[in-house]
Protein backbone atom coordinates (compact mmCIF):
# COMPACT_ATOMS: atom_id res chain seq x y z
CA MET A 1 90.22 109.69 21.17
CA ARG A 2 92.86 111.57 19.98
CA ILE A 3 96.43 111.52 21.16
CA ASN A 4 99.93 112.76 19.78
CA VAL A 5 101.99 110.91 17.17
CA TYR A 6 105.72 111.26 18.00
CA SER A 7 108.84 110.64 16.00
CA LYS A 8 111.95 108.99 17.58
CA ASP A 9 113.46 111.87 19.01
CA GLY A 10 110.49 112.95 20.60
CA SER A 11 109.01 115.34 18.52
CA ILE A 12 105.21 115.64 17.64
CA VAL A 13 104.56 114.91 14.02
CA GLY A 14 101.09 114.76 14.43
CA LYS A 15 97.68 113.36 16.19
CA ARG A 16 95.78 110.13 15.88
CA GLU A 17 92.27 109.11 16.63
CA LEU A 18 92.15 105.69 18.13
CA LEU A 19 89.65 103.60 16.96
CA PRO A 20 86.67 103.47 19.21
CA SER A 21 85.58 100.12 18.91
CA VAL A 22 89.29 98.96 20.08
CA PHE A 23 89.79 101.80 22.26
CA GLU A 24 86.64 102.68 24.14
CA GLN A 25 84.99 99.70 25.25
CA GLU A 26 83.49 99.26 28.28
CA ILE A 27 85.86 97.66 30.92
CA ASN A 28 84.77 94.29 32.25
CA ASN A 29 86.59 93.89 35.12
CA THR A 30 85.39 90.16 35.54
CA LEU A 31 85.94 89.04 32.58
CA ILE A 32 89.55 90.21 32.50
CA SER A 33 90.34 88.68 36.03
CA GLU A 34 89.06 85.62 34.47
CA VAL A 35 90.68 85.29 31.24
CA ILE A 36 94.06 86.02 33.02
CA ARG A 37 93.89 83.69 35.05
CA ALA A 38 92.90 81.03 32.31
CA TYR A 39 96.11 82.50 30.34
CA MET A 40 98.26 82.11 33.45
CA ALA A 41 97.56 78.59 34.47
CA ASN A 42 97.95 77.38 30.48
CA ALA A 43 101.12 78.63 30.69
CA ARG A 44 102.08 76.34 33.86
CA ARG A 45 103.90 72.56 32.66
CA GLY A 46 101.86 70.52 35.30
CA THR A 47 105.15 67.84 35.14
CA ALA A 48 105.79 68.26 39.58
CA SER A 49 105.85 64.59 40.43
CA ALA A 50 106.67 63.10 43.71
CA LYS A 51 106.91 59.30 44.70
CA LYS A 52 104.40 57.96 46.74
CA ARG A 53 104.51 55.01 49.44
CA GLY A 54 104.76 52.31 46.77
CA GLU A 55 106.57 54.46 44.08
CA VAL A 56 110.02 54.82 46.49
CA ARG A 57 113.11 52.26 46.51
CA GLY A 58 113.74 49.51 49.26
CA GLY A 59 111.51 48.67 51.97
CA GLY A 60 110.90 44.91 50.95
CA ARG A 61 111.48 44.17 54.35
CA LYS A 62 110.55 44.45 57.71
CA PRO A 63 113.10 46.82 59.19
CA TRP A 64 112.94 45.28 62.32
CA ARG A 65 110.91 42.42 64.03
CA GLN A 66 107.44 43.76 66.03
CA LYS A 67 107.78 43.07 69.53
CA HIS A 68 110.78 43.71 72.31
CA THR A 69 112.87 46.56 70.92
CA GLY A 70 111.77 49.69 72.47
CA MET A 71 110.55 51.07 68.89
CA ALA A 72 108.00 51.70 66.77
CA ARG A 73 106.04 49.38 64.86
CA ALA A 74 107.43 50.16 61.62
CA GLY A 75 106.31 48.14 58.68
CA SER A 76 108.42 49.68 55.98
CA ILE A 77 111.01 52.05 55.21
CA ARG A 78 109.05 53.80 52.93
CA SER A 79 106.89 55.04 55.13
CA PRO A 80 106.00 58.55 54.74
CA ILE A 81 107.38 59.64 58.36
CA TRP A 82 110.65 58.43 57.36
CA ARG A 83 113.54 60.20 55.91
CA GLY A 84 113.40 59.42 52.06
CA GLY A 85 110.13 57.52 52.23
CA GLY A 86 107.15 58.34 49.97
CA VAL A 87 105.07 61.77 49.98
CA THR A 88 102.23 61.86 51.14
CA PHE A 89 99.18 63.80 49.02
CA GLY A 90 102.27 65.09 46.63
CA PRO A 91 102.10 66.58 43.50
CA LYS A 92 101.32 64.59 40.02
CA PRO A 93 101.42 65.48 36.43
CA ARG A 94 98.36 67.13 35.49
CA ASP A 95 96.74 69.67 32.81
CA TYR A 96 96.32 73.13 33.97
CA ASN A 97 94.66 74.17 30.85
CA ILE A 98 91.67 76.37 31.04
CA ASP A 99 89.63 76.79 27.47
CA ILE A 100 89.19 79.93 26.75
CA PRO A 101 86.19 81.12 24.17
CA LYS A 102 87.56 83.04 21.53
CA LYS A 103 84.82 85.77 22.32
CA LYS A 104 86.10 86.05 25.14
CA LYS A 105 89.66 86.51 24.56
CA LYS A 106 88.88 89.43 21.96
CA LEU A 107 86.53 91.26 25.21
CA ALA A 108 89.47 90.79 27.20
CA LEU A 109 91.82 92.65 24.92
CA LEU A 110 89.24 95.24 24.25
CA SER A 111 88.97 95.81 27.97
CA SER A 112 92.19 95.83 28.77
CA LEU A 113 93.12 98.38 25.93
CA SER A 114 90.55 100.62 26.31
CA LEU A 115 91.69 100.59 30.62
CA MET A 116 95.00 101.51 29.13
CA ALA A 117 93.73 104.31 26.89
CA LYS A 118 91.79 105.32 29.82
CA ASN A 119 95.28 105.58 31.84
CA GLY A 120 96.92 107.35 29.43
CA LYS A 121 99.46 104.54 29.16
CA ILE A 122 99.57 104.36 25.29
CA LEU A 123 102.17 105.46 23.25
CA ILE A 124 102.76 106.33 19.04
CA ILE A 125 105.44 106.92 17.74
CA ASP A 126 105.23 107.13 13.97
CA GLU A 127 108.47 104.56 13.20
CA ILE A 128 110.18 102.29 15.49
CA THR A 129 113.18 101.21 13.83
CA THR A 130 117.17 101.19 13.95
CA GLU A 131 119.57 100.84 10.95
CA ARG A 132 121.75 98.29 13.26
CA PRO A 133 121.75 96.49 16.31
CA LYS A 134 122.67 99.37 18.56
CA THR A 135 121.27 99.06 22.77
CA LYS A 136 122.49 102.55 23.59
CA ILE A 137 120.52 104.49 20.40
CA PHE A 138 117.42 102.08 22.14
CA TYR A 139 117.85 103.57 25.19
CA ASP A 140 118.31 107.24 24.46
CA MET A 141 115.37 107.16 22.46
CA LEU A 142 113.15 106.01 25.93
CA LYS A 143 114.86 108.62 27.92
CA THR A 144 114.01 111.29 25.43
CA PHE A 145 110.14 110.31 25.98
CA GLY A 146 111.13 110.40 29.69
CA PHE A 147 110.53 106.72 30.69
CA LYS A 148 112.44 105.97 34.24
CA GLU A 149 114.43 102.49 34.05
CA SER A 150 112.95 99.42 35.20
CA THR A 151 109.63 100.80 33.81
CA LYS A 152 107.71 97.62 32.11
CA LEU A 153 107.29 99.07 28.25
CA LEU A 154 105.62 96.55 25.66
CA PHE A 155 106.50 97.76 22.19
CA THR A 156 104.08 96.50 19.87
CA LEU A 157 104.99 96.25 16.17
CA GLU A 158 103.10 95.24 12.48
CA LYS A 159 106.07 92.60 12.54
CA THR A 160 109.12 91.14 14.27
CA ASP A 161 111.98 93.51 13.25
CA ALA A 162 115.47 91.90 14.67
CA ASN A 163 117.76 95.15 14.71
CA VAL A 164 114.85 96.93 16.96
CA TYR A 165 114.72 93.39 18.85
CA LYS A 166 118.20 93.25 19.38
CA SER A 167 118.69 96.52 20.53
CA GLY A 168 116.31 96.78 23.18
CA ARG A 169 116.16 93.43 24.55
CA ASN A 170 118.99 93.78 27.26
CA ILE A 171 117.18 96.75 28.35
CA PRO A 172 115.38 95.99 31.96
CA GLY A 173 111.59 96.14 31.67
CA VAL A 174 111.42 96.27 27.84
CA SER A 175 109.96 93.52 25.77
CA PHE A 176 108.62 93.47 21.91
CA ILE A 177 105.34 91.46 20.66
CA THR A 178 103.44 91.88 17.47
CA ALA A 179 99.91 93.02 17.44
CA SER A 180 98.71 89.67 16.04
CA ASP A 181 99.84 88.18 19.07
CA LEU A 182 98.48 91.05 21.76
CA ASN A 183 96.26 89.29 23.88
CA ALA A 184 94.93 90.78 27.90
CA LEU A 185 97.42 89.36 29.98
CA THR A 186 100.88 90.89 27.64
CA VAL A 187 98.97 94.25 27.90
CA LEU A 188 98.39 94.43 31.62
CA SER A 189 101.16 93.26 32.79
CA ALA A 190 102.97 96.61 30.91
CA ASP A 191 103.31 100.10 32.52
CA ALA A 192 103.07 101.45 29.66
CA ILE A 193 102.20 100.47 25.34
CA ILE A 194 104.46 101.50 22.89
CA PHE A 195 102.89 101.51 18.91
CA SER A 196 104.47 101.80 15.67
CA LEU A 197 102.04 103.50 13.43
CA LYS A 198 101.88 100.02 11.08
CA GLY A 199 101.62 97.96 14.56
CA LEU A 200 98.46 100.18 15.75
CA LEU A 201 96.99 99.88 11.86
CA SER A 202 97.66 96.49 12.25
CA LEU A 203 96.06 96.14 15.61
CA GLU A 204 92.77 98.58 14.99
CA GLU A 205 92.31 96.03 11.16
CA ARG A 206 92.69 92.60 13.75
CA LEU A 207 90.03 93.82 16.20
CA GLY A 208 87.63 96.47 14.46
């Protein structure tokens, strides 16, 4: 699959053959779904906690006598049916982590990249750099390529560039990642992936 390589001003500076072993793999939707669910589960902190009946403060004595009050036979103010009482079957800290084999992670990433390539959602810009942190410069570059506001764009670079990051971090929908950190979840969370040429080479070297 050959696609255009653009400069920052939107002009075509060449063409690039996407590596078939990375961008033309069989799309396994079942595997993608499984791996993404695992990534999302692993992001959960699992720290929610509610007090059970035995953990709520107070309730050491019976609130009123058993009979002849005209009220329920209450034994403790810590009862779950009382306001301020314990919580029945409330959440407790737990580990939601799901182990993902490396091979599955790689295959899911290859499937995701192949899906994006098939749908024409991959763009290559020869060099994504700015001389200084300037949001307007970065915003104008996005307008040059016709991206609408709030489109989810994932810029994939060879390595972190502070000037580029500071220029684009305040633009809604724009996010940055290095080729070494790319995974199936980040790929499919974007509407389009924009590679720098070096970022693409780094990714192909990692996966190819």
